[in-house]
């Protein structure tokens, strides 16, 4: 895997930069009423195929933050979350939250209600996804008989996450925590799938992050149910047997893989920055997803 090309976190007065990811920067606050808490900032960075591009999606960080906050409210009775305050430094206002430090579980908690992506590849090879057998004859976009828990490892920056079986999760975190992670993940998916369906959107799958607070409580962390962590499809356009239109950065991926980009994915080089029309169309899909799901105007 090549260099993911992640820039360093911008300096913020009174905050110590701890980590830069493909989209988010994490800081520890050093003074004031929230000293010792974490500041999580969502940037406008654009990543595809584990590379961070030089181009950005205007307002992406604000959209992701507002969407996560809306979903945290919808899920509050199912699982508590890590948000402490929105009283963030002015330079990151609207795209950051102050949150609790947690001991994060070393598992990406994924729920799938439809077959696509890496799950489809796994199914095509083994007839199962993460060790869960599925009926024969399913195709890209098929609705599963019931949602399934399909966890992955947390790959280092620039590395792919690898599929895990439920037994792998038990081995990583123990039987009691594995059961809790699975139950919470499926409950979050069920709640969100129903809400999205009411608004004409299919939630095909989603990835959540869970961590343990010092008092032992398990909290929902990072982002939740955004186009970066979930597959949202327009319900009226759903047609199994092909790739589905989606509310995410698939437009950028498609362009990068097209002859127009001139990029060879096998080269190990980062993709080129997409043209303005691809950036604008991607931004509009993020905004459309936010407004359809929340009923709010961005």
Protein backbone atom coordinates (compact mmCIF):
# COMPACT_ATOMS: atom_id res chain seq x y z
CA UNK A 1 0.00 0.00 0.00
CA UNK A 2 1.32 3.43 -0.89
CA UNK A 3 1.61 6.49 1.29
CA UNK A 4 -1.96 7.55 2.15
CA UNK A 5 -0.80 11.18 1.89
CA UNK A 6 -2.42 12.43 5.11
CA UNK A 7 -1.43 16.02 5.98
CA UNK A 8 -0.54 16.91 9.58
CA UNK A 9 -3.32 18.24 11.80
CA UNK A 10 -3.48 22.06 11.71
CA UNK A 11 -2.41 23.72 14.98
CA UNK A 12 -5.18 24.80 17.36
CA UNK A 13 -4.34 27.00 20.31
CA UNK A 14 -4.79 25.20 23.62
CA UNK A 15 -5.02 21.79 21.96
CA UNK A 16 -2.38 19.10 21.44
CA UNK A 17 -2.59 17.26 18.12
CA UNK A 18 -2.74 13.52 18.75
CA UNK A 19 -3.63 11.90 15.44
CA UNK A 20 -4.55 12.64 11.84
CA UNK A 21 -6.76 10.19 9.95
CA UNK A 22 -8.00 10.20 6.38
CA UNK A 23 -10.80 12.61 7.31
CA UNK A 24 -10.59 13.46 11.04
CA UNK A 25 -7.99 15.12 13.24
CA UNK A 26 -7.89 14.39 16.98
CA UNK A 27 -6.57 16.72 19.68
CA UNK A 28 -6.38 16.75 23.49
CA UNK A 29 -7.56 19.95 25.15
CA UNK A 30 -5.05 21.31 27.64
CA UNK A 31 -6.97 24.01 29.50
CA UNK A 32 -10.42 25.32 30.31
CA UNK A 33 -13.54 23.48 31.45
CA UNK A 34 -12.87 20.56 29.10
CA UNK A 35 -9.17 20.05 29.84
CA UNK A 36 -8.21 16.44 29.23
CA UNK A 37 -11.15 15.83 26.91
CA UNK A 38 -10.68 15.21 23.19
CA UNK A 39 -11.45 17.56 20.31
CA UNK A 40 -12.45 15.66 17.16
CA UNK A 41 -12.42 17.71 13.97
CA UNK A 42 -13.94 16.56 10.66
CA UNK A 43 -12.03 17.97 7.71
CA UNK A 44 -13.10 18.42 4.09
CA UNK A 45 -10.45 15.90 2.98
CA UNK A 46 -11.35 13.40 0.29
CA UNK A 47 -10.01 9.86 0.39
CA UNK A 48 -10.46 7.04 -2.09
CA UNK A 49 -8.76 3.67 -2.30
CA UNK A 50 -6.86 4.48 0.93
CA UNK A 51 -5.30 7.64 -0.51
CA UNK A 52 -6.04 11.17 0.63
CA UNK A 53 -6.34 13.44 -2.40
CA UNK A 54 -5.16 17.02 -2.66
CA UNK A 55 -8.68 18.09 -3.61
CA UNK A 56 -11.32 18.60 -0.93
CA UNK A 57 -15.13 18.51 -0.84
CA UNK A 58 -16.33 21.94 0.34
CA UNK A 59 -18.40 21.74 3.56
CA UNK A 60 -17.88 17.98 3.87
CA UNK A 61 -16.61 18.21 7.46
CA UNK A 62 -19.60 20.28 8.53
CA UNK A 63 -22.05 17.92 6.81
CA UNK A 64 -20.51 14.84 8.43
CA UNK A 65 -20.54 16.49 11.86
CA UNK A 66 -24.14 17.68 11.65
CA UNK A 67 -25.32 14.32 10.33
CA UNK A 68 -23.56 12.39 13.10
CA UNK A 69 -25.03 14.68 15.76
CA UNK A 70 -28.53 14.17 14.32
CA UNK A 71 -28.09 10.40 14.36
CA UNK A 72 -26.65 10.41 17.89
CA UNK A 73 -29.96 11.96 18.96
CA UNK A 74 -31.99 9.31 17.12
CA UNK A 75 -30.00 6.52 18.80
CA UNK A 76 -29.65 7.97 22.31
CA UNK A 77 -32.04 5.46 23.89
CA UNK A 78 -30.15 2.52 22.33
CA UNK A 79 -26.56 3.45 23.12
CA UNK A 80 -24.90 6.49 24.75
CA UNK A 81 -22.35 8.42 22.72
CA UNK A 82 -19.06 10.19 23.35
CA UNK A 83 -20.14 13.81 22.67
CA UNK A 84 -19.61 16.14 25.64
CA UNK A 85 -19.99 19.62 24.12
CA UNK A 86 -20.15 21.63 20.90
CA UNK A 87 -18.36 24.55 22.55
CA UNK A 88 -15.34 24.16 20.26
CA UNK A 89 -12.63 26.64 19.18
CA UNK A 90 -13.89 29.18 16.65
CA UNK A 91 -11.57 28.00 13.88
CA UNK A 92 -13.28 24.58 13.82
CA UNK A 93 -16.80 25.73 14.67
CA UNK A 94 -19.48 23.64 13.00
CA UNK A 95 -17.21 20.71 12.19
CA UNK A 96 -15.93 19.55 15.55
CA UNK A 97 -17.09 18.08 18.84
CA UNK A 98 -15.59 17.79 22.29
CA UNK A 99 -15.78 14.17 23.33
CA UNK A 100 -14.83 11.69 26.01
CA UNK A 101 -11.61 9.69 25.73
CA UNK A 102 -12.45 6.01 25.38
CA UNK A 103 -10.63 2.70 25.18
CA UNK A 104 -11.69 1.80 21.65
CA UNK A 105 -12.46 -1.80 20.75
CA UNK A 106 -10.08 -3.17 18.08
CA UNK A 107 -13.02 -4.05 15.83
CA UNK A 108 -14.86 -2.18 13.10
CA UNK A 109 -18.48 -3.04 13.85
CA UNK A 110 -20.31 -3.50 10.55
CA UNK A 111 -23.95 -4.41 9.94
CA UNK A 112 -25.23 -5.37 6.49
CA UNK A 113 -28.82 -5.61 5.31
CA UNK A 114 -27.92 -5.86 1.62
CA UNK A 115 -25.19 -7.65 -0.30
CA UNK A 116 -22.59 -5.49 -2.05
CA UNK A 117 -18.96 -4.38 -1.86
CA UNK A 118 -16.51 -6.62 -0.02
CA UNK A 119 -19.41 -8.70 1.27
CA UNK A 120 -20.39 -9.55 -2.30
CA UNK A 121 -16.81 -10.59 -3.09
CA UNK A 122 -16.69 -12.80 0.03
CA UNK A 123 -20.05 -14.35 -0.88
CA UNK A 124 -18.93 -15.03 -4.45
CA UNK A 125 -15.94 -16.96 -3.16
CA UNK A 126 -17.34 -18.76 -0.13
CA UNK A 127 -21.14 -18.46 -0.21
CA UNK A 128 -20.85 -16.69 3.12
CA UNK A 129 -19.93 -13.28 4.55
CA UNK A 130 -17.61 -13.24 7.57
CA UNK A 131 -18.38 -16.92 8.06
CA UNK A 132 -22.17 -16.42 7.97
CA UNK A 133 -23.70 -18.71 5.28
CA UNK A 134 -26.16 -17.01 2.94
CA UNK A 135 -28.74 -18.40 0.48
CA UNK A 136 -27.62 -19.25 -3.03
CA UNK A 137 -28.46 -16.99 -5.95
CA UNK A 138 -27.92 -13.59 -4.34
CA UNK A 139 -26.60 -10.77 -6.55
CA UNK A 140 -25.19 -7.30 -6.13
CA UNK A 141 -27.78 -5.29 -4.21
CA UNK A 142 -29.83 -8.25 -2.95
CA UNK A 143 -31.63 -7.72 0.34
CA UNK A 144 -30.48 -10.27 2.91
CA UNK A 145 -32.98 -12.48 4.75
CA UNK A 146 -32.04 -10.55 7.89
CA UNK A 147 -29.29 -8.07 8.78
CA UNK A 148 -25.96 -9.64 9.71
CA UNK A 149 -22.97 -8.58 11.82
CA UNK A 150 -19.87 -8.56 9.60
CA UNK A 151 -16.98 -7.08 11.59
CA UNK A 152 -13.51 -6.23 10.31
CA UNK A 153 -10.13 -5.51 11.78
CA UNK A 154 -8.96 -1.92 12.16
CA UNK A 155 -6.15 -1.62 9.64
CA UNK A 156 -3.34 0.84 10.19
CA UNK A 157 -3.52 4.03 8.12
CA UNK A 158 -2.95 3.06 4.49
CA UNK A 159 -3.86 -0.59 5.09
CA UNK A 160 -7.10 -2.40 4.31
CA UNK A 161 -9.41 -3.67 7.04
CA UNK A 162 -9.70 -7.46 7.00
CA UNK A 163 -12.92 -9.42 7.48
CA UNK A 164 -13.43 -11.12 10.85
CA UNK A 165 -15.69 -13.97 11.89
CA UNK A 166 -17.68 -13.70 15.11
CA UNK A 167 -15.25 -16.17 16.69
CA UNK A 168 -12.41 -13.81 15.73
CA UNK A 169 -14.17 -11.03 17.65
CA UNK A 170 -14.60 -13.29 20.66
CA UNK A 171 -10.89 -14.01 20.51
CA UNK A 172 -10.08 -10.29 20.33
CA UNK A 173 -12.37 -8.89 23.03
CA UNK A 174 -13.92 -11.84 24.90
CA UNK A 175 -17.34 -13.48 24.65
CA UNK A 176 -19.30 -10.93 26.71
CA UNK A 177 -18.02 -7.87 24.85
CA UNK A 178 -18.33 -9.61 21.47
CA UNK A 179 -22.00 -10.30 22.14
CA UNK A 180 -22.56 -6.69 23.23
CA UNK A 181 -20.80 -5.27 20.16
CA UNK A 182 -22.91 -7.44 17.87
CA UNK A 183 -26.18 -6.60 19.61
CA UNK A 184 -25.53 -2.85 19.62
CA UNK A 185 -24.42 -2.83 15.99
CA UNK A 186 -27.51 -4.67 14.80
CA UNK A 187 -29.80 -2.50 16.96
CA UNK A 188 -28.26 0.67 15.51
CA UNK A 189 -28.68 -0.67 11.99
CA UNK A 190 -32.31 -1.69 12.57
CA UNK A 191 -33.24 1.72 13.97
CA UNK A 192 -31.41 3.64 11.24
CA UNK A 193 -32.67 1.40 8.43
CA UNK A 194 -36.27 2.04 9.45
CA UNK A 195 -35.74 5.82 9.71
CA UNK A 196 -33.98 5.97 6.34
CA UNK A 197 -36.63 3.85 4.63
CA UNK A 198 -39.35 6.27 5.77
CA UNK A 199 -37.42 8.97 3.90
CA UNK A 200 -37.02 7.02 0.67
CA UNK A 201 -33.47 5.84 1.34
CA UNK A 202 -32.10 2.31 1.69
CA UNK A 203 -29.37 1.84 4.29
CA UNK A 204 -27.45 -1.03 2.73
CA UNK A 205 -24.79 -1.28 5.43
CA UNK A 206 -23.05 0.78 8.07
CA UNK A 207 -19.89 0.79 10.17
CA UNK A 208 -19.81 2.05 13.75
CA UNK A 209 -17.07 2.53 16.34
CA UNK A 210 -17.53 1.59 19.99
CA UNK A 211 -15.32 2.24 23.00
CA UNK A 212 -15.33 1.78 26.77
CA UNK A 213 -15.37 4.66 29.22
CA UNK A 214 -13.46 4.46 32.50
CA UNK A 215 -16.66 3.55 34.37
CA UNK A 216 -17.14 0.53 32.08
CA UNK A 217 -19.93 1.94 29.92
CA UNK A 218 -19.73 1.21 26.18
CA UNK A 219 -20.26 4.32 24.06
CA UNK A 220 -20.81 5.06 20.39
CA UNK A 221 -17.89 7.13 19.10
CA UNK A 222 -16.34 8.78 16.05
CA UNK A 223 -18.95 9.35 13.31
CA UNK A 224 -22.20 7.49 12.80
CA UNK A 225 -24.41 6.85 9.77
CA UNK A 226 -22.76 9.32 7.42
CA UNK A 227 -22.08 8.75 3.70
CA UNK A 228 -18.46 8.04 4.67
CA UNK A 229 -19.38 5.19 7.03
CA UNK A 230 -22.54 3.86 5.38
CA UNK A 231 -24.01 2.98 2.02
CA UNK A 232 -27.18 4.96 1.33
CA UNK A 233 -29.14 4.17 -1.85
CA UNK A 234 -32.20 5.91 -3.33
CA UNK A 235 -35.01 3.41 -2.64
CA UNK A 236 -36.87 4.15 -5.86
CA UNK A 237 -33.78 3.30 -7.92
CA UNK A 238 -32.94 0.04 -6.15
CA UNK A 239 -32.50 -2.78 -8.67
CA UNK A 240 -30.59 -5.90 -7.58
CA UNK A 241 -28.13 -7.28 -10.09
CA UNK A 242 -26.11 -4.12 -10.64
CA UNK A 243 -24.22 -1.49 -8.73
CA UNK A 244 -26.69 0.87 -7.04
CA UNK A 245 -26.65 4.68 -7.26
CA UNK A 246 -25.43 5.99 -3.91
CA UNK A 247 -25.18 9.09 -1.74
CA UNK A 248 -21.42 9.09 -1.28
CA UNK A 249 -18.05 9.54 -3.00
CA UNK A 250 -18.63 6.71 -5.48
CA UNK A 251 -18.72 9.40 -8.17
CA UNK A 252 -15.06 10.14 -7.40
CA UNK A 253 -14.10 6.46 -7.38
CA UNK A 254 -15.82 5.90 -10.72
CA UNK A 255 -14.03 8.86 -12.26
CA UNK A 256 -10.64 7.72 -10.92
CA UNK A 257 -11.12 4.28 -12.47
CA UNK A 258 -12.27 5.70 -15.83
CA UNK A 259 -9.97 6.29 -18.82
CA UNK A 260 -10.55 10.03 -18.34
CA UNK A 261 -8.43 10.09 -15.17
CA UNK A 262 -5.44 8.36 -16.75
CA UNK A 263 -4.74 6.61 -13.42
CA UNK A 264 -3.50 3.04 -13.11
CA UNK A 265 -4.71 1.65 -9.78
CA UNK A 266 -2.02 -1.03 -9.80
CA UNK A 267 0.76 1.57 -10.03
CA UNK A 268 0.86 2.31 -6.30
CA UNK A 269 0.68 6.01 -7.12
CA UNK A 270 -2.11 8.18 -5.65
CA UNK A 271 -5.04 9.00 -7.93
CA UNK A 272 -5.10 12.44 -9.56
CA UNK A 273 -7.42 15.12 -8.22
CA UNK A 274 -10.83 14.99 -9.89
CA UNK A 275 -12.16 17.88 -11.99
CA UNK A 276 -14.48 20.54 -10.57
CA UNK A 277 -17.66 18.89 -11.87
CA UNK A 278 -16.88 15.67 -9.97
CA UNK A 279 -16.20 17.63 -6.77
CA UNK A 280 -19.44 19.61 -7.07
CA UNK A 281 -21.53 16.53 -7.87
CA UNK A 282 -20.06 14.71 -4.87
CA UNK A 283 -20.78 17.65 -2.57
CA UNK A 284 -24.36 17.77 -3.81
CA UNK A 285 -24.86 14.08 -3.00
CA UNK A 286 -23.62 14.60 0.58
CA UNK A 287 -25.96 17.58 0.99
CA UNK A 288 -28.88 15.67 -0.53
CA UNK A 289 -28.36 12.74 1.83
CA UNK A 290 -28.20 15.06 4.83
CA UNK A 291 -31.35 16.97 3.89
CA UNK A 292 -33.41 13.89 2.98
CA UNK A 293 -32.50 12.04 6.18
CA UNK A 294 -32.75 14.89 8.67
CA UNK A 295 -35.45 17.03 7.04
CA UNK A 296 -33.18 20.04 7.68
CA UNK A 297 -31.67 22.45 5.16
CA UNK A 298 -27.90 22.57 5.06
